[in-house]
Structure formats: C-alpha cells, structure tokens
ModelCIF file with pLDDT and N, C-alpha, C, O atoms, coordinates in Angstrom:
data_MODEL
#
_entry.id   MODEL 
#
_entity.id                         1 
_entity.type                       polymer 
_entity.pdbx_number_of_molecules   1 
#
_entity_poly.entity_id                      1 
_entity_poly.type                           'polypeptide(L)' 
_entity_poly.nstd_linkage                   no 
_entity_poly.nstd_monomer                   no 
_entity_poly.pdbx_seq_one_letter_code       
;(UNK)(UNK)(UNK)(UNK)(UNK)(UNK)(UNK)(UNK)(UNK)(UNK)(UNK)(UNK)(UNK)(UNK)(UNK)(UNK)
(UNK)(UNK)(UNK)(UNK)(UNK)(UNK)(UNK)(UNK)(UNK)(UNK)(UNK)(UNK)(UNK)(UNK)(UNK)(UNK)
(UNK)(UNK)(UNK)(UNK)(UNK)(UNK)(UNK)(UNK)(UNK)(UNK)(UNK)(UNK)(UNK)(UNK)
;
_entity_poly.pdbx_seq_one_letter_code_can   XXXXXXXXXXXXXXXXXXXXXXXXXXXXXXXXXXXXXXXXXXXXXX 
_entity_poly.pdbx_strand_id                 A 
#
loop_
_entity_poly_seq.entity_id 
_entity_poly_seq.num 
_entity_poly_seq.mon_id 
_entity_poly_seq.hetero 
1 1  UNK n 
1 2  UNK n 
1 3  UNK n 
1 4  UNK n 
1 5  UNK n 
1 6  UNK n 
1 7  UNK n 
1 8  UNK n 
1 9  UNK n 
1 10 UNK n 
1 11 UNK n 
1 12 UNK n 
1 13 UNK n 
1 14 UNK n 
1 15 UNK n 
1 16 UNK n 
1 17 UNK n 
1 18 UNK n 
1 19 UNK n 
1 20 UNK n 
1 21 UNK n 
1 22 UNK n 
1 23 UNK n 
1 24 UNK n 
1 25 UNK n 
1 26 UNK n 
1 27 UNK n 
1 28 UNK n 
1 29 UNK n 
1 30 UNK n 
1 31 UNK n 
1 32 UNK n 
1 33 UNK n 
1 34 UNK n 
1 35 UNK n 
1 36 UNK n 
1 37 UNK n 
1 38 UNK n 
1 39 UNK n 
1 40 UNK n 
1 41 UNK n 
1 42 UNK n 
1 43 UNK n 
1 44 UNK n 
1 45 UNK n 
1 46 UNK n 
#
_struct_asym.id          A 
_struct_asym.entity_id   1 
#
loop_
_ma_qa_metric.id 
_ma_qa_metric.mode 
_ma_qa_metric.name 
_ma_qa_metric.software_group_id 
_ma_qa_metric.type 
1 global pLDDT . pLDDT 
2 local  pLDDT . pLDDT 
#
_ma_qa_metric_global.metric_id      1 
_ma_qa_metric_global.metric_value   93.96 
_ma_qa_metric_global.model_id       1 
_ma_qa_metric_global.ordinal_id     1 
#
loop_
_ma_qa_metric_local.label_asym_id 
_ma_qa_metric_local.label_comp_id 
_ma_qa_metric_local.label_seq_id 
_ma_qa_metric_local.metric_id 
_ma_qa_metric_local.metric_value 
_ma_qa_metric_local.model_id 
_ma_qa_metric_local.ordinal_id 
A UNK 1  2 97.00 1 1  
A UNK 2  2 97.00 1 2  
A UNK 3  2 96.00 1 3  
A UNK 4  2 95.00 1 4  
A UNK 5  2 95.00 1 5  
A UNK 6  2 96.00 1 6  
A UNK 7  2 95.00 1 7  
A UNK 8  2 96.00 1 8  
A UNK 9  2 96.00 1 9  
A UNK 10 2 96.00 1 10 
A UNK 11 2 97.00 1 11 
A UNK 12 2 95.00 1 12 
A UNK 13 2 95.00 1 13 
A UNK 14 2 96.00 1 14 
A UNK 15 2 96.00 1 15 
A UNK 16 2 94.00 1 16 
A UNK 17 2 93.00 1 17 
A UNK 18 2 92.00 1 18 
A UNK 19 2 91.00 1 19 
A UNK 20 2 95.00 1 20 
A UNK 21 2 94.00 1 21 
A UNK 22 2 95.00 1 22 
A UNK 23 2 96.00 1 23 
A UNK 24 2 95.00 1 24 
A UNK 25 2 95.00 1 25 
A UNK 26 2 96.00 1 26 
A UNK 27 2 95.00 1 27 
A UNK 28 2 95.00 1 28 
A UNK 29 2 94.00 1 29 
A UNK 30 2 95.00 1 30 
A UNK 31 2 95.00 1 31 
A UNK 32 2 93.00 1 32 
A UNK 33 2 93.00 1 33 
A UNK 34 2 94.00 1 34 
A UNK 35 2 95.00 1 35 
A UNK 36 2 95.00 1 36 
A UNK 37 2 93.00 1 37 
A UNK 38 2 92.00 1 38 
A UNK 39 2 92.00 1 39 
A UNK 40 2 93.00 1 40 
A UNK 41 2 94.00 1 41 
A UNK 42 2 92.00 1 42 
A UNK 43 2 91.00 1 43 
A UNK 44 2 91.00 1 44 
A UNK 45 2 89.00 1 45 
A UNK 46 2 77.00 1 46 
#
loop_
_atom_site.group_PDB 
_atom_site.id 
_atom_site.type_symbol 
_atom_site.label_atom_id 
_atom_site.label_alt_id 
_atom_site.label_comp_id 
_atom_site.label_asym_id 
_atom_site.label_entity_id 
_atom_site.label_seq_id 
_atom_site.pdbx_PDB_ins_code 
_atom_site.Cartn_x 
_atom_site.Cartn_y 
_atom_site.Cartn_z 
_atom_site.occupancy 
_atom_site.B_iso_or_equiv 
_atom_site.pdbx_formal_charge 
_atom_site.auth_seq_id 
_atom_site.auth_comp_id 
_atom_site.auth_asym_id 
_atom_site.auth_atom_id 
_atom_site.pdbx_PDB_model_num 
ATOM 1   N N  . UNK A 1 1  ? -32.030 -91.533  26.493 1.00 97.00 ? 1  UNK A N  1 
ATOM 2   C CA . UNK A 1 1  ? -32.274 -90.180  25.993 1.00 97.00 ? 1  UNK A CA 1 
ATOM 3   C C  . UNK A 1 1  ? -33.373 -89.484  26.790 1.00 97.00 ? 1  UNK A C  1 
ATOM 4   O O  . UNK A 1 1  ? -33.294 -88.283  27.047 1.00 97.00 ? 1  UNK A O  1 
ATOM 5   N N  . UNK A 1 2  ? -34.409 -90.248  27.184 1.00 97.00 ? 2  UNK A N  1 
ATOM 6   C CA . UNK A 1 2  ? -35.482 -89.673  28.004 1.00 97.00 ? 2  UNK A CA 1 
ATOM 7   C C  . UNK A 1 2  ? -34.942 -89.265  29.365 1.00 97.00 ? 2  UNK A C  1 
ATOM 8   O O  . UNK A 1 2  ? -35.232 -88.176  29.859 1.00 97.00 ? 2  UNK A O  1 
ATOM 9   N N  . UNK A 1 3  ? -34.151 -90.152  29.967 1.00 96.00 ? 3  UNK A N  1 
ATOM 10  C CA . UNK A 1 3  ? -33.587 -89.851  31.291 1.00 96.00 ? 3  UNK A CA 1 
ATOM 11  C C  . UNK A 1 3  ? -32.694 -88.617  31.252 1.00 96.00 ? 3  UNK A C  1 
ATOM 12  O O  . UNK A 1 3  ? -32.607 -87.880  32.234 1.00 96.00 ? 3  UNK A O  1 
ATOM 13  N N  . UNK A 1 4  ? -32.020 -88.387  30.098 1.00 95.00 ? 4  UNK A N  1 
ATOM 14  C CA . UNK A 1 4  ? -31.149 -87.210  29.953 1.00 95.00 ? 4  UNK A CA 1 
ATOM 15  C C  . UNK A 1 4  ? -31.921 -85.975  29.487 1.00 95.00 ? 4  UNK A C  1 
ATOM 16  O O  . UNK A 1 4  ? -31.338 -84.902  29.327 1.00 95.00 ? 4  UNK A O  1 
ATOM 17  N N  . UNK A 1 5  ? -33.243 -86.124  29.269 1.00 95.00 ? 5  UNK A N  1 
ATOM 18  C CA . UNK A 1 5  ? -34.083 -85.037  28.743 1.00 95.00 ? 5  UNK A CA 1 
ATOM 19  C C  . UNK A 1 5  ? -33.511 -84.511  27.424 1.00 95.00 ? 5  UNK A C  1 
ATOM 20  O O  . UNK A 1 5  ? -33.419 -83.301  27.217 1.00 95.00 ? 5  UNK A O  1 
ATOM 21  N N  . UNK A 1 6  ? -33.132 -85.420  26.549 1.00 96.00 ? 6  UNK A N  1 
ATOM 22  C CA . UNK A 1 6  ? -32.564 -85.019  25.269 1.00 96.00 ? 6  UNK A CA 1 
ATOM 23  C C  . UNK A 1 6  ? -33.635 -84.409  24.372 1.00 96.00 ? 6  UNK A C  1 
ATOM 24  O O  . UNK A 1 6  ? -34.812 -84.388  24.732 1.00 96.00 ? 6  UNK A O  1 
ATOM 25  N N  . UNK A 1 7  ? -33.230 -83.912  23.204 1.00 95.00 ? 7  UNK A N  1 
ATOM 26  C CA . UNK A 1 7  ? -34.115 -83.151  22.321 1.00 95.00 ? 7  UNK A CA 1 
ATOM 27  C C  . UNK A 1 7  ? -35.062 -84.054  21.536 1.00 95.00 ? 7  UNK A C  1 
ATOM 28  O O  . UNK A 1 7  ? -34.877 -85.269  21.466 1.00 95.00 ? 7  UNK A O  1 
ATOM 29  N N  . UNK A 1 8  ? -36.087 -83.422  20.944 1.00 96.00 ? 8  UNK A N  1 
ATOM 30  C CA . UNK A 1 8  ? -37.027 -84.136  20.082 1.00 96.00 ? 8  UNK A CA 1 
ATOM 31  C C  . UNK A 1 8  ? -36.289 -84.764  18.907 1.00 96.00 ? 8  UNK A C  1 
ATOM 32  O O  . UNK A 1 8  ? -36.563 -85.903  18.529 1.00 96.00 ? 8  UNK A O  1 
ATOM 33  N N  . UNK A 1 9  ? -35.350 -84.014  18.334 1.00 96.00 ? 9  UNK A N  1 
ATOM 34  C CA . UNK A 1 9  ? -34.612 -84.518  17.167 1.00 96.00 ? 9  UNK A CA 1 
ATOM 35  C C  . UNK A 1 9  ? -33.809 -85.764  17.509 1.00 96.00 ? 9  UNK A C  1 
ATOM 36  O O  . UNK A 1 9  ? -33.758 -86.714  16.728 1.00 96.00 ? 9  UNK A O  1 
ATOM 37  N N  . UNK A 1 10 ? -33.179 -85.753  18.691 1.00 96.00 ? 10 UNK A N  1 
ATOM 38  C CA . UNK A 1 10 ? -32.391 -86.922  19.099 1.00 96.00 ? 10 UNK A CA 1 
ATOM 39  C C  . UNK A 1 10 ? -33.293 -88.142  19.274 1.00 96.00 ? 10 UNK A C  1 
ATOM 40  O O  . UNK A 1 10 ? -32.932 -89.248  18.871 1.00 96.00 ? 10 UNK A O  1 
ATOM 41  N N  . UNK A 1 11 ? -34.462 -87.939  19.874 1.00 97.00 ? 11 UNK A N  1 
ATOM 42  C CA . UNK A 1 11 ? -35.408 -89.043  20.063 1.00 97.00 ? 11 UNK A CA 1 
ATOM 43  C C  . UNK A 1 11 ? -35.918 -89.560  18.717 1.00 97.00 ? 11 UNK A C  1 
ATOM 44  O O  . UNK A 1 11 ? -36.014 -90.769  18.504 1.00 97.00 ? 11 UNK A O  1 
ATOM 45  N N  . UNK A 1 12 ? -36.249 -88.619  17.800 1.00 95.00 ? 12 UNK A N  1 
ATOM 46  C CA . UNK A 1 12 ? -36.764 -89.028  16.491 1.00 95.00 ? 12 UNK A CA 1 
ATOM 47  C C  . UNK A 1 12 ? -35.702 -89.804  15.709 1.00 95.00 ? 12 UNK A C  1 
ATOM 48  O O  . UNK A 1 12 ? -36.001 -90.825  15.090 1.00 95.00 ? 12 UNK A O  1 
ATOM 49  N N  . UNK A 1 13 ? -34.454 -89.309  15.743 1.00 95.00 ? 13 UNK A N  1 
ATOM 50  C CA . UNK A 1 13 ? -33.372 -89.973  15.013 1.00 95.00 ? 13 UNK A CA 1 
ATOM 51  C C  . UNK A 1 13 ? -33.158 -91.392  15.512 1.00 95.00 ? 13 UNK A C  1 
ATOM 52  O O  . UNK A 1 13 ? -32.989 -92.315  14.715 1.00 95.00 ? 13 UNK A O  1 
ATOM 53  N N  . UNK A 1 14 ? -33.164 -91.567  16.826 1.00 96.00 ? 14 UNK A N  1 
ATOM 54  C CA . UNK A 1 14 ? -32.961 -92.898  17.397 1.00 96.00 ? 14 UNK A CA 1 
ATOM 55  C C  . UNK A 1 14 ? -34.137 -93.817  17.085 1.00 96.00 ? 14 UNK A C  1 
ATOM 56  O O  . UNK A 1 14 ? -33.951 -94.999  16.793 1.00 96.00 ? 14 UNK A O  1 
ATOM 57  N N  . UNK A 1 15 ? -35.358 -93.263  17.150 1.00 96.00 ? 15 UNK A N  1 
ATOM 58  C CA . UNK A 1 15 ? -36.537 -94.084  16.861 1.00 96.00 ? 15 UNK A CA 1 
ATOM 59  C C  . UNK A 1 15 ? -36.551 -94.548  15.405 1.00 96.00 ? 15 UNK A C  1 
ATOM 60  O O  . UNK A 1 15 ? -36.906 -95.691  15.119 1.00 96.00 ? 15 UNK A O  1 
ATOM 61  N N  . UNK A 1 16 ? -36.164 -93.660  14.485 1.00 94.00 ? 16 UNK A N  1 
ATOM 62  C CA . UNK A 1 16 ? -36.109 -94.023  13.066 1.00 94.00 ? 16 UNK A CA 1 
ATOM 63  C C  . UNK A 1 16 ? -35.056 -95.100  12.836 1.00 94.00 ? 16 UNK A C  1 
ATOM 64  O O  . UNK A 1 16 ? -35.247 -95.996  12.013 1.00 94.00 ? 16 UNK A O  1 
ATOM 65  N N  . UNK A 1 17 ? -33.929 -95.011  13.572 1.00 93.00 ? 17 UNK A N  1 
ATOM 66  C CA . UNK A 1 17 ? -32.884 -96.034  13.460 1.00 93.00 ? 17 UNK A CA 1 
ATOM 67  C C  . UNK A 1 17 ? -33.410 -97.415  13.841 1.00 93.00 ? 17 UNK A C  1 
ATOM 68  O O  . UNK A 1 17 ? -32.998 -98.428  13.276 1.00 93.00 ? 17 UNK A O  1 
ATOM 69  N N  . UNK A 1 18 ? -34.326 -97.439  14.808 1.00 92.00 ? 18 UNK A N  1 
ATOM 70  C CA . UNK A 1 18 ? -34.842 -98.726  15.285 1.00 92.00 ? 18 UNK A CA 1 
ATOM 71  C C  . UNK A 1 18 ? -36.056 -99.193  14.484 1.00 92.00 ? 18 UNK A C  1 
ATOM 72  O O  . UNK A 1 18 ? -36.677 -100.200 14.827 1.00 92.00 ? 18 UNK A O  1 
ATOM 73  N N  . UNK A 1 19 ? -36.400 -98.459  13.409 1.00 91.00 ? 19 UNK A N  1 
ATOM 74  C CA . UNK A 1 19 ? -37.458 -98.936  12.516 1.00 91.00 ? 19 UNK A CA 1 
ATOM 75  C C  . UNK A 1 19 ? -38.731 -98.132  12.497 1.00 91.00 ? 19 UNK A C  1 
ATOM 76  O O  . UNK A 1 19 ? -39.653 -98.481  11.759 1.00 91.00 ? 19 UNK A O  1 
ATOM 77  N N  . UNK A 1 20 ? -38.830 -97.053  13.286 1.00 95.00 ? 20 UNK A N  1 
ATOM 78  C CA . UNK A 1 20 ? -40.044 -96.249  13.277 1.00 95.00 ? 20 UNK A CA 1 
ATOM 79  C C  . UNK A 1 20 ? -40.211 -95.560  11.925 1.00 95.00 ? 20 UNK A C  1 
ATOM 80  O O  . UNK A 1 20 ? -39.251 -95.015  11.381 1.00 95.00 ? 20 UNK A O  1 
ATOM 81  N N  . UNK A 1 21 ? -41.420 -95.585  11.389 1.00 94.00 ? 21 UNK A N  1 
ATOM 82  C CA . UNK A 1 21 ? -41.757 -94.811  10.208 1.00 94.00 ? 21 UNK A CA 1 
ATOM 83  C C  . UNK A 1 21 ? -42.632 -93.649  10.633 1.00 94.00 ? 21 UNK A C  1 
ATOM 84  O O  . UNK A 1 21 ? -43.604 -93.835  11.366 1.00 94.00 ? 21 UNK A O  1 
ATOM 85  N N  . UNK A 1 22 ? -42.294 -92.447  10.177 1.00 95.00 ? 22 UNK A N  1 
ATOM 86  C CA . UNK A 1 22 ? -43.011 -91.246  10.597 1.00 95.00 ? 22 UNK A CA 1 
ATOM 87  C C  . UNK A 1 22 ? -44.420 -91.232  10.014 1.00 95.00 ? 22 UNK A C  1 
ATOM 88  O O  . UNK A 1 22 ? -44.754 -92.047  9.155  1.00 95.00 ? 22 UNK A O  1 
ATOM 89  N N  . UNK A 1 23 ? -45.242 -90.297  10.488 1.00 96.00 ? 23 UNK A N  1 
ATOM 90  C CA . UNK A 1 23 ? -46.592 -90.146  9.950  1.00 96.00 ? 23 UNK A CA 1 
ATOM 91  C C  . UNK A 1 23 ? -46.555 -89.925  8.440  1.00 96.00 ? 23 UNK A C  1 
ATOM 92  O O  . UNK A 1 23 ? -47.335 -90.520  7.697  1.00 96.00 ? 23 UNK A O  1 
ATOM 93  N N  . UNK A 1 24 ? -45.642 -89.062  7.998  1.00 95.00 ? 24 UNK A N  1 
ATOM 94  C CA . UNK A 1 24 ? -45.543 -88.779  6.565  1.00 95.00 ? 24 UNK A CA 1 
ATOM 95  C C  . UNK A 1 24 ? -45.146 -90.030  5.786  1.00 95.00 ? 24 UNK A C  1 
ATOM 96  O O  . UNK A 1 24 ? -45.699 -90.300  4.720  1.00 95.00 ? 24 UNK A O  1 
ATOM 97  N N  . UNK A 1 25 ? -44.193 -90.791  6.311  1.00 95.00 ? 25 UNK A N  1 
ATOM 98  C CA . UNK A 1 25 ? -43.763 -92.008  5.619  1.00 95.00 ? 25 UNK A CA 1 
ATOM 99  C C  . UNK A 1 25 ? -44.890 -93.041  5.549  1.00 95.00 ? 25 UNK A C  1 
ATOM 100 O O  . UNK A 1 25 ? -45.091 -93.680  4.516  1.00 95.00 ? 25 UNK A O  1 
ATOM 101 N N  . UNK A 1 26 ? -45.622 -93.199  6.651  1.00 96.00 ? 26 UNK A N  1 
ATOM 102 C CA . UNK A 1 26 ? -46.729 -94.151  6.649  1.00 96.00 ? 26 UNK A CA 1 
ATOM 103 C C  . UNK A 1 26 ? -47.826 -93.695  5.687  1.00 96.00 ? 26 UNK A C  1 
ATOM 104 O O  . UNK A 1 26 ? -48.457 -94.512  5.017  1.00 96.00 ? 26 UNK A O  1 
ATOM 105 N N  . UNK A 1 27 ? -48.046 -92.370  5.627  1.00 95.00 ? 27 UNK A N  1 
ATOM 106 C CA . UNK A 1 27 ? -49.030 -91.837  4.700  1.00 95.00 ? 27 UNK A CA 1 
ATOM 107 C C  . UNK A 1 27 ? -48.631 -92.065  3.254  1.00 95.00 ? 27 UNK A C  1 
ATOM 108 O O  . UNK A 1 27 ? -49.465 -92.438  2.430  1.00 95.00 ? 27 UNK A O  1 
ATOM 109 N N  . UNK A 1 28 ? -47.360 -91.843  2.941  1.00 95.00 ? 28 UNK A N  1 
ATOM 110 C CA . UNK A 1 28 ? -46.876 -92.064  1.568  1.00 95.00 ? 28 UNK A CA 1 
ATOM 111 C C  . UNK A 1 28 ? -47.011 -93.535  1.194  1.00 95.00 ? 28 UNK A C  1 
ATOM 112 O O  . UNK A 1 28 ? -47.332 -93.864  0.052  1.00 95.00 ? 28 UNK A O  1 
ATOM 113 N N  . UNK A 1 29 ? -46.765 -94.421  2.160  1.00 94.00 ? 29 UNK A N  1 
ATOM 114 C CA . UNK A 1 29 ? -46.939 -95.851  1.892  1.00 94.00 ? 29 UNK A CA 1 
ATOM 115 C C  . UNK A 1 29 ? -48.392 -96.152  1.512  1.00 94.00 ? 29 UNK A C  1 
ATOM 116 O O  . UNK A 1 29 ? -48.640 -96.976  0.631  1.00 94.00 ? 29 UNK A O  1 
ATOM 117 N N  . UNK A 1 30 ? -49.342 -95.500  2.161  1.00 95.00 ? 30 UNK A N  1 
ATOM 118 C CA . UNK A 1 30 ? -50.764 -95.713  1.842  1.00 95.00 ? 30 UNK A CA 1 
ATOM 119 C C  . UNK A 1 30 ? -51.127 -95.082  0.503  1.00 95.00 ? 30 UNK A C  1 
ATOM 120 O O  . UNK A 1 30 ? -52.054 -95.545  -0.163 1.00 95.00 ? 30 UNK A O  1 
ATOM 121 N N  . UNK A 1 31 ? -50.409 -94.024  0.093  1.00 95.00 ? 31 UNK A N  1 
ATOM 122 C CA . UNK A 1 31 ? -50.598 -93.459  -1.247 1.00 95.00 ? 31 UNK A CA 1 
ATOM 123 C C  . UNK A 1 31 ? -50.158 -94.482  -2.295 1.00 95.00 ? 31 UNK A C  1 
ATOM 124 O O  . UNK A 1 31 ? -50.865 -94.725  -3.272 1.00 95.00 ? 31 UNK A O  1 
ATOM 125 N N  . UNK A 1 32 ? -48.992 -95.072  -2.081 1.00 93.00 ? 32 UNK A N  1 
ATOM 126 C CA . UNK A 1 32 ? -48.454 -96.072  -3.012 1.00 93.00 ? 32 UNK A CA 1 
ATOM 127 C C  . UNK A 1 32 ? -49.363 -97.304  -3.073 1.00 93.00 ? 32 UNK A C  1 
ATOM 128 O O  . UNK A 1 32 ? -49.471 -97.949  -4.116 1.00 93.00 ? 32 UNK A O  1 
ATOM 129 N N  . UNK A 1 33 ? -50.014 -97.627  -1.951 1.00 93.00 ? 33 UNK A N  1 
ATOM 130 C CA . UNK A 1 33 ? -50.932 -98.771  -1.924 1.00 93.00 ? 33 UNK A CA 1 
ATOM 131 C C  . UNK A 1 33 ? -52.262 -98.463  -2.597 1.00 93.00 ? 33 UNK A C  1 
ATOM 132 O O  . UNK A 1 33 ? -53.089 -99.358  -2.769 1.00 93.00 ? 33 UNK A O  1 
ATOM 133 N N  . UNK A 1 34 ? -52.479 -97.198  -2.981 1.00 94.00 ? 34 UNK A N  1 
ATOM 134 C CA . UNK A 1 34 ? -53.707 -96.825  -3.677 1.00 94.00 ? 34 UNK A CA 1 
ATOM 135 C C  . UNK A 1 34 ? -54.877 -96.535  -2.763 1.00 94.00 ? 34 UNK A C  1 
ATOM 136 O O  . UNK A 1 34 ? -56.019 -96.514  -3.223 1.00 94.00 ? 34 UNK A O  1 
ATOM 137 N N  . UNK A 1 35 ? -54.627 -96.308  -1.475 1.00 95.00 ? 35 UNK A N  1 
ATOM 138 C CA . UNK A 1 35 ? -55.726 -96.065  -0.536 1.00 95.00 ? 35 UNK A CA 1 
ATOM 139 C C  . UNK A 1 35 ? -56.134 -94.595  -0.479 1.00 95.00 ? 35 UNK A C  1 
ATOM 140 O O  . UNK A 1 35 ? -57.301 -94.285  -0.240 1.00 95.00 ? 35 UNK A O  1 
ATOM 141 N N  . UNK A 1 36 ? -55.189 -93.693  -0.695 1.00 95.00 ? 36 UNK A N  1 
ATOM 142 C CA . UNK A 1 36 ? -55.479 -92.260  -0.650 1.00 95.00 ? 36 UNK A CA 1 
ATOM 143 C C  . UNK A 1 36 ? -54.554 -91.559  -1.635 1.00 95.00 ? 36 UNK A C  1 
ATOM 144 O O  . UNK A 1 36 ? -53.794 -92.215  -2.346 1.00 95.00 ? 36 UNK A O  1 
ATOM 145 N N  . UNK A 1 37 ? -54.614 -90.218  -1.683 1.00 93.00 ? 37 UNK A N  1 
ATOM 146 C CA . UNK A 1 37 ? -53.717 -89.509  -2.590 1.00 93.00 ? 37 UNK A CA 1 
ATOM 147 C C  . UNK A 1 37 ? -52.790 -88.590  -1.804 1.00 93.00 ? 37 UNK A C  1 
ATOM 148 O O  . UNK A 1 37 ? -53.011 -88.328  -0.622 1.00 93.00 ? 37 UNK A O  1 
ATOM 149 N N  . UNK A 1 38 ? -51.752 -88.106  -2.477 1.00 92.00 ? 38 UNK A N  1 
ATOM 150 C CA . UNK A 1 38 ? -50.692 -87.364  -1.798 1.00 92.00 ? 38 UNK A CA 1 
ATOM 151 C C  . UNK A 1 38 ? -51.189 -86.068  -1.175 1.00 92.00 ? 38 UNK A C  1 
ATOM 152 O O  . UNK A 1 38 ? -50.697 -85.668  -0.120 1.00 92.00 ? 38 UNK A O  1 
ATOM 153 N N  . UNK A 1 39 ? -52.164 -85.395  -1.810 1.00 92.00 ? 39 UNK A N  1 
ATOM 154 C CA . UNK A 1 39 ? -52.676 -84.135  -1.253 1.00 92.00 ? 39 UNK A CA 1 
ATOM 155 C C  . UNK A 1 39 ? -53.287 -84.351  0.130  1.00 92.00 ? 39 UNK A C  1 
ATOM 156 O O  . UNK A 1 39 ? -53.119 -83.515  1.018  1.00 92.00 ? 39 UNK A O  1 
ATOM 157 N N  . UNK A 1 40 ? -53.992 -85.462  0.317  1.00 93.00 ? 40 UNK A N  1 
ATOM 158 C CA . UNK A 1 40 ? -54.580 -85.755  1.604  1.00 93.00 ? 40 UNK A CA 1 
ATOM 159 C C  . UNK A 1 40 ? -53.521 -85.946  2.682  1.00 93.00 ? 40 UNK A C  1 
ATOM 160 O O  . UNK A 1 40 ? -53.681 -85.488  3.813  1.00 93.00 ? 40 UNK A O  1 
ATOM 161 N N  . UNK A 1 41 ? -52.443 -86.626  2.322  1.00 94.00 ? 41 UNK A N  1 
ATOM 162 C CA . UNK A 1 41 ? -51.366 -86.880  3.289  1.00 94.00 ? 41 UNK A CA 1 
ATOM 163 C C  . UNK A 1 41 ? -50.653 -85.580  3.661  1.00 94.00 ? 41 UNK A C  1 
ATOM 164 O O  . UNK A 1 41 ? -50.403 -85.317  4.838  1.00 94.00 ? 41 UNK A O  1 
ATOM 165 N N  . UNK A 1 42 ? -50.329 -84.771  2.654  1.00 92.00 ? 42 UNK A N  1 
ATOM 166 C CA . UNK A 1 42 ? -49.612 -83.517  2.924  1.00 92.00 ? 42 UNK A CA 1 
ATOM 167 C C  . UNK A 1 42 ? -50.469 -82.530  3.708  1.00 92.00 ? 42 UNK A C  1 
ATOM 168 O O  . UNK A 1 42 ? -49.940 -81.622  4.349  1.00 92.00 ? 42 UNK A O  1 
ATOM 169 N N  . UNK A 1 43 ? -51.787 -82.702  3.661  1.00 91.00 ? 43 UNK A N  1 
ATOM 170 C CA . UNK A 1 43 ? -52.686 -81.797  4.392  1.00 91.00 ? 43 UNK A CA 1 
ATOM 171 C C  . UNK A 1 43 ? -52.646 -82.043  5.899  1.00 91.00 ? 43 UNK A C  1 
ATOM 172 O O  . UNK A 1 43 ? -52.936 -81.137  6.680  1.00 91.00 ? 43 UNK A O  1 
ATOM 173 N N  . UNK A 1 44 ? -52.288 -83.266  6.317  1.00 91.00 ? 44 UNK A N  1 
ATOM 174 C CA . UNK A 1 44 ? -52.308 -83.581  7.748  1.00 91.00 ? 44 UNK A CA 1 
ATOM 175 C C  . UNK A 1 44 ? -50.933 -83.933  8.314  1.00 91.00 ? 44 UNK A C  1 
ATOM 176 O O  . UNK A 1 44 ? -50.779 -84.003  9.533  1.00 91.00 ? 44 UNK A O  1 
ATOM 177 N N  . UNK A 1 45 ? -49.929 -84.158  7.459  1.00 89.00 ? 45 UNK A N  1 
ATOM 178 C CA . UNK A 1 45 ? -48.608 -84.551  7.923  1.00 89.00 ? 45 UNK A CA 1 
ATOM 179 C C  . UNK A 1 45 ? -47.577 -83.520  7.484  1.00 89.00 ? 45 UNK A C  1 
ATOM 180 O O  . UNK A 1 45 ? -47.549 -83.121  6.320  1.00 89.00 ? 45 UNK A O  1 
ATOM 181 N N  . UNK A 1 46 ? -46.734 -83.090  8.413  1.00 77.00 ? 46 UNK A N  1 
ATOM 182 C CA . UNK A 1 46 ? -45.710 -82.118  8.088  1.00 77.00 ? 46 UNK A CA 1 
ATOM 183 C C  . UNK A 1 46 ? -44.530 -82.816  7.426  1.00 77.00 ? 46 UNK A C  1 
ATOM 184 O O  . UNK A 1 46 ? -43.548 -82.164  7.070  1.00 77.00 ? 46 UNK A O  1 
#
C-alpha cells in the first residue's frame, strides 16, 4: 500500500486488520482499567 501511495484510510484499515488499536481504542482501554476517565481521552483523541 505504501509503494502504491494508497490512502490513509486504506493503511488504517489494513493496520487494524493486523491487530493495531487506535489511539482512541487504547485510551478507552485505559479508562476501563481505571487509570483515567473518558473526558480526558476524548479531549486528545479524535
């Protein structure tokens, strides 16, 4: 995909398929773990 200069969406979709968790997903996981709250995550992650 990089060699073909494909789009951001194509790269993100493929990365998620291979197990990548986005910033928002990792932040929500830390909310569930009790380390921070959802407002803090939504303030820095789209």
